[in-house]
Amino acid sequence: MIDLHTHSTKSDGKDTPTELVANAKANGISVLAITDHDTTAGWEEALMAARSHKIGLVPGIEVSTRQLISSDRRISVHMLAYLPDPNNQALFTELEKTRTSRISRAKKMVELLAEDYPITWELVQAELEPGATIGRPAIADAMVSAGIVPTRSDAFTSILHNRSKYYVSDHSLDTLEAISLIRKAGGVSVIAHPLIDFPAGASIQDLPTQYFEELISAGLDGIEVYHRSVPDPAKKWLEDLALKHNLIVTGSSDYHGLTGKDNRLGENQTSPEMLERIIDQASGFEAFL
């Protein structure tokens, strides 16, 4: 089994990189990608564990981006970057800006939450390894520890969703610029879990063809079609789009640990042929296979 989207404690996962690799091996995964948010901090540890456990590893990053889709609306887009050069200055300068912005954003959200709930910045920091990329999951974990909600998922559905009065947006790299920077760093760009907000009962004609074609024109290499959050009607449409433009198609778990999200290792998979395309197209870093 090939699972190309997982997270460790270097961002918002609950397993250390070593634990992540060990758990993947125990669950029958033959090739794993570690794709923490906006950081490569877990690569070295994960590679050491992969060698020890004799499992393939594809180092990657889940890059936070935002794209302008109308004159007054920008949407969050997560871009999986596989095998970029970790020493590429242009890409990693932008990722550092994003991580810094995430700290300011998280502090502001905690300030807003503290007006109504018993939560502090110190409680949030206690949920993270030093230097880990911070995001709403750390705030959710602090809310669980404080007894405000029973689980991380409950925090997101009830309080931390993006329409909440506590929600604060952050700096993110422009989506089209991110695709370009990933390519220049020798990486392969795959859009993560697209169309997760596609409304039930909506017509396929409502899907944003022009939006995806703009990404493809900018150099998008692939689409993560098989993900639990991508609605079934959208999957067929995305498959056809990928076939039309000869894009890489992936399937992944987006695993965050047993207590992180409900997603489980290997619940969606990538074919060996698609993994081979990623390896062939990448020139920034070598996978361990």
C-alpha atoms as a PDB file:
ATOM      1  CA  MET A   1       0.000   0.000   0.000  1.00  0.00           C
ATOM      2  CA  ILE A   2       1.178   3.512  -0.838  1.00  0.00           C
ATOM      3  CA  ASP A   3      -0.052   6.389   1.372  1.00  0.00           C
ATOM      4  CA  LEU A   4       1.202   9.808   0.280  1.00  0.00           C
ATOM      5  CA  HIS A   5      -0.287  12.234   2.823  1.00  0.00           C
ATOM      6  CA  THR A   6       0.429  11.974   6.566  1.00  0.00           C
ATOM      7  CA  HIS A   7       1.390  14.261   9.441  1.00  0.00           C
ATOM      8  CA  SER A   8       3.666  14.038  12.461  1.00  0.00           C
ATOM      9  CA  THR A   9       4.237  16.036  15.624  1.00  0.00           C
ATOM     10  CA  LYS A  10       6.355  18.430  13.545  1.00  0.00           C
ATOM     11  CA  SER A  11       3.022  20.016  12.575  1.00  0.00           C
ATOM     12  CA  ASP A  12      -0.426  18.825  13.702  1.00  0.00           C
ATOM     13  CA  GLY A  13      -0.029  15.054  13.869  1.00  0.00           C
ATOM     14  CA  LYS A  14       0.020  13.082  17.123  1.00  0.00           C
ATOM     15  CA  ASP A  15       2.790  10.601  16.169  1.00  0.00           C
ATOM     16  CA  THR A  16       6.449  11.535  16.137  1.00  0.00           C
ATOM     17  CA  PRO A  17       8.073  10.929  12.727  1.00  0.00           C
ATOM     18  CA  THR A  18       9.534   7.701  14.129  1.00  0.00           C
ATOM     19  CA  GLU A  19       6.163   6.558  15.451  1.00  0.00           C
ATOM     20  CA  LEU A  20       4.478   7.526  12.188  1.00  0.00           C
ATOM     21  CA  VAL A  21       6.820   5.329  10.158  1.00  0.00           C
ATOM     22  CA  ALA A  22       6.521   2.436  12.621  1.00  0.00           C
ATOM     23  CA  ASN A  23       2.726   2.642  12.607  1.00  0.00           C
ATOM     24  CA  ALA A  24       2.685   2.770   8.806  1.00  0.00           C
ATOM     25  CA  LYS A  25       4.817  -0.372   8.653  1.00  0.00           C
ATOM     26  CA  ALA A  26       2.546  -2.121  11.156  1.00  0.00           C
ATOM     27  CA  ASN A  27      -0.484  -1.222   9.042  1.00  0.00           C
ATOM     28  CA  GLY A  28       0.916  -2.709   5.854  1.00  0.00           C
ATOM     29  CA  ILE A  29       2.090   0.500   4.195  1.00  0.00           C
ATOM     30  CA  SER A  30       4.972  -0.144   1.803  1.00  0.00           C
ATOM     31  CA  VAL A  31       5.631   3.500   0.829  1.00  0.00           C
ATOM     32  CA  LEU A  32       4.749   6.476   3.017  1.00  0.00           C
ATOM     33  CA  ALA A  33       4.954  10.216   2.474  1.00  0.00           C
ATOM     34  CA  ILE A  34       5.480  12.541   5.439  1.00  0.00           C
ATOM     35  CA  THR A  35       3.836  15.870   4.546  1.00  0.00           C
ATOM     36  CA  ASP A  36       3.830  18.155   7.561  1.00  0.00           C
ATOM     37  CA  HIS A  37       2.459  21.668   7.172  1.00  0.00           C
ATOM     38  CA  ASP A  38       4.971  24.159   5.777  1.00  0.00           C
ATOM     39  CA  THR A  39       8.033  22.365   7.168  1.00  0.00           C
ATOM     40  CA  THR A  40      10.623  19.678   6.451  1.00  0.00           C
ATOM     41  CA  ALA A  41      11.518  19.341  10.135  1.00  0.00           C
ATOM     42  CA  GLY A  42      10.458  15.700  10.290  1.00  0.00           C
ATOM     43  CA  TRP A  43      12.279  14.479   7.188  1.00  0.00           C
ATOM     44  CA  GLU A  44      15.565  13.391   8.749  1.00  0.00           C
ATOM     45  CA  GLU A  45      13.967  11.464  11.611  1.00  0.00           C
ATOM     46  CA  ALA A  46      11.433   9.839   9.286  1.00  0.00           C
ATOM     47  CA  LEU A  47      14.178   8.772   6.881  1.00  0.00           C
ATOM     48  CA  MET A  48      16.155   7.164   9.701  1.00  0.00           C
ATOM     49  CA  ALA A  49      13.033   5.301  10.820  1.00  0.00           C
ATOM     50  CA  ALA A  50      12.252   4.237   7.249  1.00  0.00           C
ATOM     51  CA  ARG A  51      15.707   2.703   6.905  1.00  0.00           C
ATOM     52  CA  SER A  52      15.275   0.917  10.217  1.00  0.00           C
ATOM     53  CA  HIS A  53      11.800  -0.429   9.435  1.00  0.00           C
ATOM     54  CA  LYS A  54      12.576  -1.130   5.770  1.00  0.00           C
ATOM     55  CA  ILE A  55       9.711   0.950   4.423  1.00  0.00           C
ATOM     56  CA  GLY A  56       9.768   3.390   1.506  1.00  0.00           C
ATOM     57  CA  LEU A  57       9.566   7.093   2.314  1.00  0.00           C
ATOM     58  CA  VAL A  58       8.716  10.083   0.123  1.00  0.00           C
ATOM     59  CA  PRO A  59       9.550  13.317   1.971  1.00  0.00           C
ATOM     60  CA  GLY A  60       7.117  16.129   1.239  1.00  0.00           C
ATOM     61  CA  ILE A  61       5.373  19.220   2.570  1.00  0.00           C
ATOM     62  CA  GLU A  62       1.751  20.330   2.738  1.00  0.00           C
ATOM     63  CA  VAL A  63       2.055  23.951   1.676  1.00  0.00           C
ATOM     64  CA  SER A  64      -0.570  26.435   2.885  1.00  0.00           C
ATOM     65  CA  THR A  65      -1.735  28.703   0.064  1.00  0.00           C
ATOM     66  CA  ARG A  66      -4.570  31.065  -0.785  1.00  0.00           C
ATOM     67  CA  GLN A  67      -6.019  31.760  -4.202  1.00  0.00           C
ATOM     68  CA  LEU A  68      -8.058  34.720  -5.394  1.00  0.00           C
ATOM     69  CA  ILE A  69     -11.191  33.353  -7.105  1.00  0.00           C
ATOM     70  CA  SER A  70     -13.188  36.578  -7.337  1.00  0.00           C
ATOM     71  CA  SER A  71     -12.636  40.267  -6.716  1.00  0.00           C
ATOM     72  CA  ASP A  72     -13.437  39.901  -3.005  1.00  0.00           C
ATOM     73  CA  ARG A  73     -12.874  36.232  -2.183  1.00  0.00           C
ATOM     74  CA  ARG A  74      -9.752  34.217  -1.509  1.00  0.00           C
ATOM     75  CA  ILE A  75      -9.920  30.537  -0.637  1.00  0.00           C
ATOM     76  CA  SER A  76      -7.533  28.309   1.279  1.00  0.00           C
ATOM     77  CA  VAL A  77      -5.787  25.739  -0.926  1.00  0.00           C
ATOM     78  CA  HIS A  78      -3.392  23.116   0.406  1.00  0.00           C
ATOM     79  CA  MET A  79      -0.701  22.017  -2.013  1.00  0.00           C
ATOM     80  CA  LEU A  80       1.290  18.826  -1.471  1.00  0.00           C
ATOM     81  CA  ALA A  81       4.900  19.298  -2.539  1.00  0.00           C
ATOM     82  CA  TYR A  82       6.735  16.021  -3.040  1.00  0.00           C
ATOM     83  CA  LEU A  83      10.549  15.837  -2.993  1.00  0.00           C
ATOM     84  CA  PRO A  84      11.442  19.543  -3.255  1.00  0.00           C
ATOM     85  CA  ASP A  85      15.004  20.606  -2.514  1.00  0.00           C
ATOM     86  CA  PRO A  86      15.012  21.431   1.238  1.00  0.00           C
ATOM     87  CA  ASN A  87      17.770  23.984   0.604  1.00  0.00           C
ATOM     88  CA  ASN A  88      15.831  25.969  -1.982  1.00  0.00           C
ATOM     89  CA  GLN A  89      15.946  29.499  -0.596  1.00  0.00           C
ATOM     90  CA  ALA A  90      12.971  30.960  -2.458  1.00  0.00           C
ATOM     91  CA  LEU A  91      10.488  28.295  -1.383  1.00  0.00           C
ATOM     92  CA  PHE A  92      11.629  28.072   2.204  1.00  0.00           C
ATOM     93  CA  THR A  93      11.713  31.831   2.729  1.00  0.00           C
ATOM     94  CA  GLU A  94       7.994  31.832   1.889  1.00  0.00           C
ATOM     95  CA  LEU A  95       7.302  28.858   4.147  1.00  0.00           C
ATOM     96  CA  GLU A  96       9.028  30.645   7.029  1.00  0.00           C
ATOM     97  CA  LYS A  97       6.724  33.643   6.489  1.00  0.00           C
ATOM     98  CA  THR A  98       3.740  31.313   6.686  1.00  0.00           C
ATOM     99  CA  ARG A  99       4.931  29.647   9.902  1.00  0.00           C
ATOM    100  CA  THR A 100       5.552  33.047  11.513  1.00  0.00           C
ATOM    101  CA  SER A 101       2.086  34.215  10.485  1.00  0.00           C
ATOM    102  CA  ARG A 102       0.571  31.042  11.935  1.00  0.00           C
ATOM    103  CA  ILE A 103       1.943  31.969  15.375  1.00  0.00           C
ATOM    104  CA  SER A 104       0.426  35.476  15.276  1.00  0.00           C
ATOM    105  CA  ARG A 105      -2.856  34.070  14.025  1.00  0.00           C
ATOM    106  CA  ALA A 106      -3.014  31.377  16.711  1.00  0.00           C
ATOM    107  CA  LYS A 107      -2.300  33.910  19.464  1.00  0.00           C
ATOM    108  CA  LYS A 108      -5.136  36.133  18.214  1.00  0.00           C
ATOM    109  CA  MET A 109      -7.550  33.181  18.110  1.00  0.00           C
ATOM    110  CA  VAL A 110      -6.602  32.248  21.665  1.00  0.00           C
ATOM    111  CA  GLU A 111      -7.221  35.829  22.776  1.00  0.00           C
ATOM    112  CA  LEU A 112     -10.705  35.705  21.259  1.00  0.00           C
ATOM    113  CA  LEU A 113     -11.451  32.276  22.720  1.00  0.00           C
ATOM    114  CA  ALA A 114     -10.237  33.343  26.176  1.00  0.00           C
ATOM    115  CA  GLU A 115     -13.089  35.834  26.343  1.00  0.00           C
ATOM    116  CA  ASP A 116     -15.504  32.886  26.537  1.00  0.00           C
ATOM    117  CA  TYR A 117     -13.477  29.805  27.494  1.00  0.00           C
ATOM    118  CA  PRO A 118     -10.746  28.873  30.021  1.00  0.00           C
ATOM    119  CA  ILE A 119      -7.877  28.674  27.540  1.00  0.00           C
ATOM    120  CA  THR A 120      -4.437  30.304  27.465  1.00  0.00           C
ATOM    121  CA  TRP A 121      -1.497  30.517  25.083  1.00  0.00           C
ATOM    122  CA  GLU A 122       0.530  28.430  27.534  1.00  0.00           C
ATOM    123  CA  LEU A 123      -2.006  25.596  27.266  1.00  0.00           C
ATOM    124  CA  VAL A 124      -1.710  25.657  23.471  1.00  0.00           C
ATOM    125  CA  GLN A 125       2.093  25.654  23.566  1.00  0.00           C
ATOM    126  CA  ALA A 126       2.013  22.632  25.865  1.00  0.00           C
ATOM    127  CA  GLU A 127       0.365  20.643  23.059  1.00  0.00           C
ATOM    128  CA  LEU A 128       3.267  21.200  20.641  1.00  0.00           C
ATOM    129  CA  GLU A 129       6.845  20.111  20.248  1.00  0.00           C
ATOM    130  CA  PRO A 130       9.255  23.075  20.236  1.00  0.00           C
ATOM    131  CA  GLY A 131       9.439  24.477  16.708  1.00  0.00           C
ATOM    132  CA  ALA A 132       6.429  22.561  15.391  1.00  0.00           C
ATOM    133  CA  THR A 133       4.219  24.296  12.842  1.00  0.00           C
ATOM    134  CA  ILE A 134       1.222  25.622  14.769  1.00  0.00           C
ATOM    135  CA  GLY A 135      -2.357  25.589  13.548  1.00  0.00           C
ATOM    136  CA  ARG A 136      -5.916  25.274  14.788  1.00  0.00           C
ATOM    137  CA  PRO A 137      -5.401  21.599  15.772  1.00  0.00           C
ATOM    138  CA  ALA A 138      -3.082  22.665  18.614  1.00  0.00           C
ATOM    139  CA  ILE A 139      -5.771  25.028  19.869  1.00  0.00           C
ATOM    140  CA  ALA A 140      -8.300  22.221  19.575  1.00  0.00           C
ATOM    141  CA  ASP A 141      -6.031  19.895  21.564  1.00  0.00           C
ATOM    142  CA  ALA A 142      -5.682  22.545  24.281  1.00  0.00           C
ATOM    143  CA  MET A 143      -9.475  22.827  24.417  1.00  0.00           C
ATOM    144  CA  VAL A 144      -9.681  19.066  24.914  1.00  0.00           C
ATOM    145  CA  SER A 145      -7.091  19.219  27.699  1.00  0.00           C
ATOM    146  CA  ALA A 146      -9.051  22.044  29.344  1.00  0.00           C
ATOM    147  CA  GLY A 147     -12.266  20.006  29.210  1.00  0.00           C
ATOM    148  CA  ILE A 148     -14.011  22.430  26.847  1.00  0.00           C
ATOM    149  CA  VAL A 149     -14.683  19.777  24.181  1.00  0.00           C
ATOM    150  CA  PRO A 150     -14.267  15.978  24.211  1.00  0.00           C
ATOM    151  CA  THR A 151     -12.190  15.595  21.016  1.00  0.00           C
ATOM    152  CA  ARG A 152     -10.230  17.577  18.454  1.00  0.00           C
ATOM    153  CA  SER A 153     -12.949  16.908  15.852  1.00  0.00           C
ATOM    154  CA  ASP A 154     -15.625  18.280  18.193  1.00  0.00           C
ATOM    155  CA  ALA A 155     -13.624  21.485  18.585  1.00  0.00           C
ATOM    156  CA  PHE A 156     -13.614  22.008  14.828  1.00  0.00           C
ATOM    157  CA  THR A 157     -17.286  21.252  14.268  1.00  0.00           C
ATOM    158  CA  SER A 158     -18.515  23.387  17.169  1.00  0.00           C
ATOM    159  CA  ILE A 159     -16.092  26.258  17.772  1.00  0.00           C
ATOM    160  CA  LEU A 160     -13.043  26.432  15.490  1.00  0.00           C
ATOM    161  CA  HIS A 161     -14.684  26.162  12.050  1.00  0.00           C
ATOM    162  CA  ASN A 162     -13.878  28.857   9.501  1.00  0.00           C
ATOM    163  CA  ARG A 163     -17.198  30.664  10.004  1.00  0.00           C
ATOM    164  CA  SER A 164     -16.727  30.988  13.733  1.00  0.00           C
ATOM    165  CA  LYS A 165     -16.334  34.371  15.416  1.00  0.00           C
ATOM    166  CA  TYR A 166     -13.032  33.056  16.756  1.00  0.00           C
ATOM    167  CA  TYR A 167     -11.588  32.302  13.320  1.00  0.00           C
ATOM    168  CA  VAL A 168      -8.662  34.417  12.131  1.00  0.00           C
ATOM    169  CA  SER A 169      -7.067  34.069   8.691  1.00  0.00           C
ATOM    170  CA  ASP A 170      -3.314  34.021   8.248  1.00  0.00           C
ATOM    171  CA  HIS A 171      -0.683  34.779   5.632  1.00  0.00           C
ATOM    172  CA  SER A 172      -0.419  32.095   3.013  1.00  0.00           C
ATOM    173  CA  LEU A 173       1.552  31.894  -0.186  1.00  0.00           C
ATOM    174  CA  ASP A 174      -0.406  32.618  -3.371  1.00  0.00           C
ATOM    175  CA  THR A 175      -1.470  29.286  -4.867  1.00  0.00           C
ATOM    176  CA  LEU A 176      -0.130  29.933  -8.361  1.00  0.00           C
ATOM    177  CA  GLU A 177       3.149  31.215  -6.951  1.00  0.00           C
ATOM    178  CA  ALA A 178       3.398  28.117  -4.752  1.00  0.00           C
ATOM    179  CA  ILE A 179       3.054  25.820  -7.766  1.00  0.00           C
ATOM    180  CA  SER A 180       5.840  27.730  -9.504  1.00  0.00           C
ATOM    181  CA  LEU A 181       8.134  27.709  -6.451  1.00  0.00           C
ATOM    182  CA  ILE A 182       7.596  23.977  -5.883  1.00  0.00           C
ATOM    183  CA  ARG A 183       8.547  23.258  -9.491  1.00  0.00           C
ATOM    184  CA  LYS A 184      11.625  25.502  -9.330  1.00  0.00           C
ATOM    185  CA  ALA A 185      12.665  23.634  -6.168  1.00  0.00           C
ATOM    186  CA  GLY A 186      12.524  20.374  -8.117  1.00  0.00           C
ATOM    187  CA  GLY A 187       9.319  19.243  -6.415  1.00  0.00           C
ATOM    188  CA  VAL A 188       6.054  17.808  -7.689  1.00  0.00           C
ATOM    189  CA  SER A 189       2.833  19.694  -6.852  1.00  0.00           C
ATOM    190  CA  VAL A 190      -0.407  17.849  -6.088  1.00  0.00           C
ATOM    191  CA  ILE A 191      -3.473  19.719  -4.861  1.00  0.00           C
ATOM    192  CA  ALA A 192      -4.669  18.202  -1.577  1.00  0.00           C
ATOM    193  CA  HIS A 193      -8.279  17.130  -0.949  1.00  0.00           C
ATOM    194  CA  PRO A 194      -9.917  19.463  -3.516  1.00  0.00           C
ATOM    195  CA  LEU A 195     -13.639  20.287  -3.607  1.00  0.00           C
ATOM    196  CA  ILE A 196     -14.262  19.249  -0.007  1.00  0.00           C
ATOM    197  CA  ASP A 197     -16.917  21.981   0.205  1.00  0.00           C
ATOM    198  CA  PHE A 198     -18.786  20.776  -2.901  1.00  0.00           C
ATOM    199  CA  PRO A 199     -22.407  20.911  -1.700  1.00  0.00           C
ATOM    200  CA  ALA A 200     -24.548  17.787  -1.662  1.00  0.00           C
ATOM    201  CA  GLY A 201     -26.974  17.740  -4.559  1.00  0.00           C
ATOM    202  CA  ALA A 202     -25.074  20.350  -6.555  1.00  0.00           C
ATOM    203  CA  SER A 203     -24.717  19.873 -10.277  1.00  0.00           C
ATOM    204  CA  ILE A 204     -21.421  18.770 -11.785  1.00  0.00           C
ATOM    205  CA  GLN A 205     -21.849  21.811 -14.009  1.00  0.00           C
ATOM    206  CA  ASP A 206     -21.250  23.902 -10.894  1.00  0.00           C
ATOM    207  CA  LEU A 207     -17.713  22.605 -10.518  1.00  0.00           C
ATOM    208  CA  PRO A 208     -15.070  25.289 -11.166  1.00  0.00           C
ATOM    209  CA  THR A 209     -13.449  24.111 -14.396  1.00  0.00           C
ATOM    210  CA  GLN A 210     -11.831  27.493 -15.007  1.00  0.00           C
ATOM    211  CA  TYR A 211     -10.296  27.475 -11.523  1.00  0.00           C
ATOM    212  CA  PHE A 212      -8.621  24.096 -12.045  1.00  0.00           C
ATOM    213  CA  GLU A 213      -7.473  24.956 -15.540  1.00  0.00           C
ATOM    214  CA  GLU A 214      -5.769  28.037 -14.117  1.00  0.00           C
ATOM    215  CA  LEU A 215      -3.851  25.798 -11.695  1.00  0.00           C
ATOM    216  CA  ILE A 216      -2.960  23.375 -14.482  1.00  0.00           C
ATOM    217  CA  SER A 217      -1.732  26.207 -16.686  1.00  0.00           C
ATOM    218  CA  ALA A 218       0.474  27.345 -13.806  1.00  0.00           C
ATOM    219  CA  GLY A 219       2.125  23.910 -13.738  1.00  0.00           C
ATOM    220  CA  LEU A 220       0.047  21.794 -11.327  1.00  0.00           C
ATOM    221  CA  ASP A 221       1.287  18.202 -11.568  1.00  0.00           C
ATOM    222  CA  GLY A 222      -1.479  16.237  -9.903  1.00  0.00           C
ATOM    223  CA  ILE A 223      -4.693  15.918  -7.903  1.00  0.00           C
ATOM    224  CA  GLU A 224      -5.358  14.046  -4.671  1.00  0.00           C
ATOM    225  CA  VAL A 225      -8.642  12.543  -5.861  1.00  0.00           C
ATOM    226  CA  TYR A 226      -9.028   9.718  -3.364  1.00  0.00           C
ATOM    227  CA  HIS A 227      -9.438  11.306   0.058  1.00  0.00           C
ATOM    228  CA  ARG A 228     -12.272  10.820   2.523  1.00  0.00           C
ATOM    229  CA  SER A 229     -13.233  14.509   2.360  1.00  0.00           C
ATOM    230  CA  VAL A 230     -13.617  14.639  -1.435  1.00  0.00           C
ATOM    231  CA  PRO A 231     -17.309  14.014  -2.245  1.00  0.00           C
ATOM    232  CA  ASP A 232     -18.022  11.035  -4.502  1.00  0.00           C
ATOM    233  CA  PRO A 233     -19.645  13.106  -7.301  1.00  0.00           C
ATOM    234  CA  ALA A 234     -16.539  15.263  -7.441  1.00  0.00           C
ATOM    235  CA  LYS A 235     -14.173  12.277  -7.642  1.00  0.00           C
ATOM    236  CA  LYS A 236     -15.385  11.182 -11.091  1.00  0.00           C
ATOM    237  CA  TRP A 237     -15.179  14.755 -12.351  1.00  0.00           C
ATOM    238  CA  LEU A 238     -11.629  15.080 -11.002  1.00  0.00           C
ATOM    239  CA  GLU A 239     -10.641  11.717 -12.535  1.00  0.00           C
ATOM    240  CA  ASP A 240     -11.838  12.914 -15.936  1.00  0.00           C
ATOM    241  CA  LEU A 241     -10.051  16.243 -15.528  1.00  0.00           C
ATOM    242  CA  ALA A 242      -6.811  14.481 -14.622  1.00  0.00           C
ATOM    243  CA  LEU A 243      -7.140  12.141 -17.597  1.00  0.00           C
ATOM    244  CA  LYS A 244      -7.787  15.056 -19.958  1.00  0.00           C
ATOM    245  CA  HIS A 245      -4.652  16.877 -18.811  1.00  0.00           C
ATOM    246  CA  ASN A 246      -2.485  13.815 -18.099  1.00  0.00           C
ATOM    247  CA  LEU A 247      -2.145  14.706 -14.411  1.00  0.00           C
ATOM    248  CA  ILE A 248      -0.913  12.483 -11.601  1.00  0.00           C
ATOM    249  CA  VAL A 249      -3.767  11.056  -9.491  1.00  0.00           C
ATOM    250  CA  THR A 250      -3.144  10.175  -5.852  1.00  0.00           C
ATOM    251  CA  GLY A 251      -5.042   8.666  -2.949  1.00  0.00           C
ATOM    252  CA  SER A 252      -4.055   9.223   0.651  1.00  0.00           C
ATOM    253  CA  SER A 253      -5.203   8.968   4.243  1.00  0.00           C
ATOM    254  CA  ASP A 254      -4.239  12.422   5.570  1.00  0.00           C
ATOM    255  CA  TYR A 255      -3.472  10.565   8.798  1.00  0.00           C
ATOM    256  CA  HIS A 256      -2.839  12.678  11.916  1.00  0.00           C
ATOM    257  CA  GLY A 257      -2.525   9.908  14.535  1.00  0.00           C
ATOM    258  CA  LEU A 258      -5.124   7.786  16.274  1.00  0.00           C
ATOM    259  CA  THR A 259      -6.294  10.708  18.419  1.00  0.00           C
ATOM    260  CA  GLY A 260      -5.732  13.397  15.785  1.00  0.00           C
ATOM    261  CA  LYS A 261      -8.407  12.705  13.182  1.00  0.00           C
ATOM    262  CA  ASP A 262     -10.605   9.760  12.248  1.00  0.00           C
ATOM    263  CA  ASN A 263      -8.479   9.209   9.103  1.00  0.00           C
ATOM    264  CA  ARG A 264      -6.631   5.887   9.181  1.00  0.00           C
ATOM    265  CA  LEU A 265      -3.403   4.857   7.463  1.00  0.00           C
ATOM    266  CA  GLY A 266      -3.970   3.280   4.066  1.00  0.00           C
ATOM    267  CA  GLU A 267      -7.681   4.075   3.865  1.00  0.00           C
ATOM    268  CA  ASN A 268      -6.971   5.610   0.448  1.00  0.00           C
ATOM    269  CA  GLN A 269      -3.979   4.674  -1.666  1.00  0.00           C
ATOM    270  CA  THR A 270      -1.882   5.710  -4.654  1.00  0.00           C
ATOM    271  CA  SER A 271      -1.040   3.311  -7.457  1.00  0.00           C
ATOM    272  CA  PRO A 272       2.603   2.278  -8.062  1.00  0.00           C
ATOM    273  CA  GLU A 273       2.367   3.830 -11.539  1.00  0.00           C
ATOM    274  CA  MET A 274       1.446   7.234 -10.116  1.00  0.00           C
ATOM    275  CA  LEU A 275       4.180   7.033  -7.490  1.00  0.00           C
ATOM    276  CA  GLU A 276       6.646   6.275 -10.267  1.00  0.00           C
ATOM    277  CA  ARG A 277       5.530   9.412 -12.110  1.00  0.00           C
ATOM    278  CA  ILE A 278       6.179  11.500  -9.002  1.00  0.00           C
ATOM    279  CA  ILE A 279       9.644   9.998  -8.587  1.00  0.00           C
ATOM    280  CA  ASP A 280      10.457  10.505 -12.270  1.00  0.00           C
ATOM    281  CA  GLN A 281       9.327  14.147 -12.293  1.00  0.00           C
ATOM    282  CA  ALA A 282      11.047  15.193  -9.070  1.00  0.00           C
ATOM    283  CA  SER A 283      14.610  16.504  -9.139  1.00  0.00           C
ATOM    284  CA  GLY A 284      14.949  18.277  -5.786  1.00  0.00           C
ATOM    285  CA  PHE A 285      15.350  15.361  -3.367  1.00  0.00           C
ATOM    286  CA  GLU A 286      15.526  11.585  -3.602  1.00  0.00           C
ATOM    287  CA  ALA A 287      12.879   9.292  -2.168  1.00  0.00           C
ATOM    288  CA  PHE A 288      13.992   6.340  -0.045  1.00  0.00           C
ATOM    289  CA  LEU A 289      12.575   3.267  -1.783  1.00  0.00           C
END
